[in-house]
Amino acid sequence: MTTTLLTFLGRVPKTESGYRKTSYDFGDGSRSEPVAFFGWPLQKRIAADRLVIMGTAGSMWDHLFEGDIVFGEEAQDARWRLLEATEAKAVTADLLAPLQQPLSERLGCEARLVLIP
C-alpha cells in the first residue's frame, strides 16, 4: 500500500540567518532536529512513499531548496527564480514544476509541490 503525506508550507519570520527553526516533540520522548518546515521531520518519521507539499504564492518555498536540504549547484537557475518569487510572494506552479524531481531524488520518495489559493 502506498502512503502519502500531505503537508502545508506556511511562512515563518525570516532573519539574515534564515527562517526561524523549531524542534518538534513527537510525544514518545523523541525530538526532531531544529527545522523551519515541519514536513521534514514528519516525513522522516512516517517514511511516506509520496510527499505532497501545499502552499500559497507567499509560502516559504525557497526554504525547501535553500534551507534544511543541500542541493549544491543542482537546478540552481530554477532555485534562484524561486527565491526571487518567494521574496515577492509571487510563486507560480511553473516555478515549482522543475524542482519536484530534484526534491524527490533528495528525499527518496515522490515529491509533489502544489500551489493553493
C-alpha atoms as a PDB file:
ATOM      1  CA  MET A   1       0.000   0.000   0.000  1.00  0.00           C
ATOM      2  CA  THR A   2       1.287   3.456  -0.922  1.00  0.00           C
ATOM      3  CA  THR A   3       1.487   6.032   1.870  1.00  0.00           C
ATOM      4  CA  THR A   4       1.009   9.720   1.086  1.00  0.00           C
ATOM      5  CA  LEU A   5       1.871  12.529   3.490  1.00  0.00           C
ATOM      6  CA  LEU A   6       0.002  15.781   2.862  1.00  0.00           C
ATOM      7  CA  THR A   7       1.609  18.782   4.500  1.00  0.00           C
ATOM      8  CA  PHE A   8       1.267  22.531   4.316  1.00  0.00           C
ATOM      9  CA  LEU A   9       4.078  25.016   3.865  1.00  0.00           C
ATOM     10  CA  GLY A  10       3.476  28.320   5.581  1.00  0.00           C
ATOM     11  CA  ARG A  11       5.778  31.206   6.239  1.00  0.00           C
ATOM     12  CA  VAL A  12       7.641  31.895   9.460  1.00  0.00           C
ATOM     13  CA  PRO A  13       9.714  35.003  10.188  1.00  0.00           C
ATOM     14  CA  LYS A  14      12.991  35.182   8.258  1.00  0.00           C
ATOM     15  CA  THR A  15      16.166  36.834   9.510  1.00  0.00           C
ATOM     16  CA  GLU A  16      19.607  37.236   7.958  1.00  0.00           C
ATOM     17  CA  SER A  17      20.401  33.689   9.097  1.00  0.00           C
ATOM     18  CA  GLY A  18      17.246  32.227   7.520  1.00  0.00           C
ATOM     19  CA  TYR A  19      13.809  31.175   8.665  1.00  0.00           C
ATOM     20  CA  ARG A  20      13.144  30.603  12.365  1.00  0.00           C
ATOM     21  CA  LYS A  21      13.631  26.953  13.362  1.00  0.00           C
ATOM     22  CA  THR A  22      11.822  24.817  15.925  1.00  0.00           C
ATOM     23  CA  SER A  23      12.359  21.339  17.404  1.00  0.00           C
ATOM     24  CA  TYR A  24       9.262  19.131  17.445  1.00  0.00           C
ATOM     25  CA  ASP A  25       8.357  16.715  20.248  1.00  0.00           C
ATOM     26  CA  PHE A  26       6.552  13.623  18.959  1.00  0.00           C
ATOM     27  CA  GLY A  27       5.256  12.622  22.396  1.00  0.00           C
ATOM     28  CA  ASP A  28       7.279   9.416  22.681  1.00  0.00           C
ATOM     29  CA  GLY A  29      10.427  11.003  24.040  1.00  0.00           C
ATOM     30  CA  SER A  30      11.923  11.750  20.637  1.00  0.00           C
ATOM     31  CA  ARG A  31      12.512  15.273  19.314  1.00  0.00           C
ATOM     32  CA  SER A  32      13.332  16.455  15.850  1.00  0.00           C
ATOM     33  CA  GLU A  33      16.389  18.449  14.953  1.00  0.00           C
ATOM     34  CA  PRO A  34      15.570  22.169  14.677  1.00  0.00           C
ATOM     35  CA  VAL A  35      13.876  22.810  11.321  1.00  0.00           C
ATOM     36  CA  ALA A  36      11.821  25.594   9.773  1.00  0.00           C
ATOM     37  CA  PHE A  37       9.466  23.189   7.956  1.00  0.00           C
ATOM     38  CA  PHE A  38       7.592  20.574   9.996  1.00  0.00           C
ATOM     39  CA  GLY A  39       7.184  18.364   6.922  1.00  0.00           C
ATOM     40  CA  TRP A  40      10.827  17.220   7.010  1.00  0.00           C
ATOM     41  CA  PRO A  41      10.847  15.558  10.455  1.00  0.00           C
ATOM     42  CA  LEU A  42       7.344  14.210   9.867  1.00  0.00           C
ATOM     43  CA  GLN A  43       8.439  12.619   6.574  1.00  0.00           C
ATOM     44  CA  LYS A  44      11.481  11.085   8.284  1.00  0.00           C
ATOM     45  CA  ARG A  45       9.230   9.623  10.969  1.00  0.00           C
ATOM     46  CA  ILE A  46       6.489   8.319   8.653  1.00  0.00           C
ATOM     47  CA  ALA A  47       8.668   7.456   5.611  1.00  0.00           C
ATOM     48  CA  ALA A  48       5.772   8.030   3.209  1.00  0.00           C
ATOM     49  CA  ASP A  49       6.112   6.908  -0.398  1.00  0.00           C
ATOM     50  CA  ARG A  50       4.763  10.248  -1.597  1.00  0.00           C
ATOM     51  CA  LEU A  51       5.085  13.707  -0.040  1.00  0.00           C
ATOM     52  CA  VAL A  52       2.652  16.394  -1.181  1.00  0.00           C
ATOM     53  CA  ILE A  53       3.630  19.885  -0.044  1.00  0.00           C
ATOM     54  CA  MET A  54       0.912  22.510  -0.441  1.00  0.00           C
ATOM     55  CA  GLY A  55       1.455  26.230  -0.061  1.00  0.00           C
ATOM     56  CA  THR A  56       0.387  29.647  -1.290  1.00  0.00           C
ATOM     57  CA  ALA A  57       2.231  32.054  -3.564  1.00  0.00           C
ATOM     58  CA  GLY A  58       3.635  33.624  -0.378  1.00  0.00           C
ATOM     59  CA  SER A  59       4.779  30.460   1.409  1.00  0.00           C
ATOM     60  CA  MET A  60       8.479  29.935   2.126  1.00  0.00           C
ATOM     61  CA  TRP A  61       9.073  27.747  -0.950  1.00  0.00           C
ATOM     62  CA  ASP A  62      12.682  28.895  -1.143  1.00  0.00           C
ATOM     63  CA  HIS A  63      13.403  27.151   2.165  1.00  0.00           C
ATOM     64  CA  LEU A  64      12.678  23.752   0.622  1.00  0.00           C
ATOM     65  CA  PHE A  65      15.695  24.237  -1.632  1.00  0.00           C
ATOM     66  CA  GLU A  66      17.938  26.594   0.336  1.00  0.00           C
ATOM     67  CA  GLY A  67      17.357  25.512   3.936  1.00  0.00           C
ATOM     68  CA  ASP A  68      17.433  22.083   5.541  1.00  0.00           C
ATOM     69  CA  ILE A  69      18.405  20.128   2.397  1.00  0.00           C
ATOM     70  CA  VAL A  70      21.588  20.880   0.454  1.00  0.00           C
ATOM     71  CA  PHE A  71      21.251  20.958  -3.347  1.00  0.00           C
ATOM     72  CA  GLY A  72      24.646  22.371  -4.247  1.00  0.00           C
ATOM     73  CA  GLU A  73      24.620  23.514  -7.875  1.00  0.00           C
ATOM     74  CA  GLU A  74      21.707  21.321  -8.968  1.00  0.00           C
ATOM     75  CA  ALA A  75      18.802  23.228 -10.559  1.00  0.00           C
ATOM     76  CA  GLN A  76      20.489  26.449  -9.488  1.00  0.00           C
ATOM     77  CA  ASP A  77      18.738  28.691 -12.049  1.00  0.00           C
ATOM     78  CA  ALA A  78      15.292  27.323 -11.148  1.00  0.00           C
ATOM     79  CA  ARG A  79      16.070  27.713  -7.441  1.00  0.00           C
ATOM     80  CA  TRP A  80      17.195  31.312  -7.981  1.00  0.00           C
ATOM     81  CA  ARG A  81      13.956  32.182  -9.806  1.00  0.00           C
ATOM     82  CA  LEU A  82      12.005  30.568  -6.963  1.00  0.00           C
ATOM     83  CA  LEU A  83      13.935  32.579  -4.361  1.00  0.00           C
ATOM     84  CA  GLU A  84      13.104  35.843  -6.126  1.00  0.00           C
ATOM     85  CA  ALA A  85       9.420  34.896  -6.462  1.00  0.00           C
ATOM     86  CA  THR A  86       9.242  33.841  -2.805  1.00  0.00           C
ATOM     87  CA  GLU A  87      10.543  37.219  -1.677  1.00  0.00           C
ATOM     88  CA  ALA A  88       7.875  38.897  -3.834  1.00  0.00           C
ATOM     89  CA  LYS A  89       5.209  36.405  -2.637  1.00  0.00           C
ATOM     90  CA  ALA A  90       4.582  35.584  -6.286  1.00  0.00           C
ATOM     91  CA  VAL A  91       5.423  31.866  -6.617  1.00  0.00           C
ATOM     92  CA  THR A  92       3.698  30.063  -9.508  1.00  0.00           C
ATOM     93  CA  ALA A  93       3.163  26.413 -10.385  1.00  0.00           C
ATOM     94  CA  ASP A  94       5.531  26.882 -13.353  1.00  0.00           C
ATOM     95  CA  LEU A  95       8.345  27.841 -10.968  1.00  0.00           C
ATOM     96  CA  LEU A  96       7.715  24.799  -8.763  1.00  0.00           C
ATOM     97  CA  ALA A  97       7.405  22.183 -11.532  1.00  0.00           C
ATOM     98  CA  PRO A  98      11.110  21.812 -12.457  1.00  0.00           C
ATOM     99  CA  LEU A  99      12.081  21.433  -8.794  1.00  0.00           C
ATOM    100  CA  GLN A 100       9.878  18.438  -7.979  1.00  0.00           C
ATOM    101  CA  GLN A 101      12.273  15.867  -9.448  1.00  0.00           C
ATOM    102  CA  PRO A 102      15.421  17.126  -7.668  1.00  0.00           C
ATOM    103  CA  LEU A 103      13.473  17.201  -4.389  1.00  0.00           C
ATOM    104  CA  SER A 104      12.164  13.675  -4.997  1.00  0.00           C
ATOM    105  CA  GLU A 105      15.713  12.443  -5.564  1.00  0.00           C
ATOM    106  CA  ARG A 106      16.968  14.030  -2.330  1.00  0.00           C
ATOM    107  CA  LEU A 107      14.091  12.671  -0.263  1.00  0.00           C
ATOM    108  CA  GLY A 108      13.987   9.204  -1.806  1.00  0.00           C
ATOM    109  CA  CYS A 109      10.239   9.437  -2.421  1.00  0.00           C
ATOM    110  CA  GLU A 110       7.893  11.101  -4.872  1.00  0.00           C
ATOM    111  CA  ALA A 111       7.537  14.809  -4.031  1.00  0.00           C
ATOM    112  CA  ARG A 112       4.749  16.999  -5.362  1.00  0.00           C
ATOM    113  CA  LEU A 113       4.658  20.759  -4.907  1.00  0.00           C
ATOM    114  CA  VAL A 114       1.122  22.127  -5.102  1.00  0.00           C
ATOM    115  CA  LEU A 115       0.165  25.785  -5.192  1.00  0.00           C
ATOM    116  CA  ILE A 116      -3.100  26.533  -3.354  1.00  0.00           C
ATOM    117  CA  PRO A 117      -5.113  29.762  -3.026  1.00  0.00           C
END
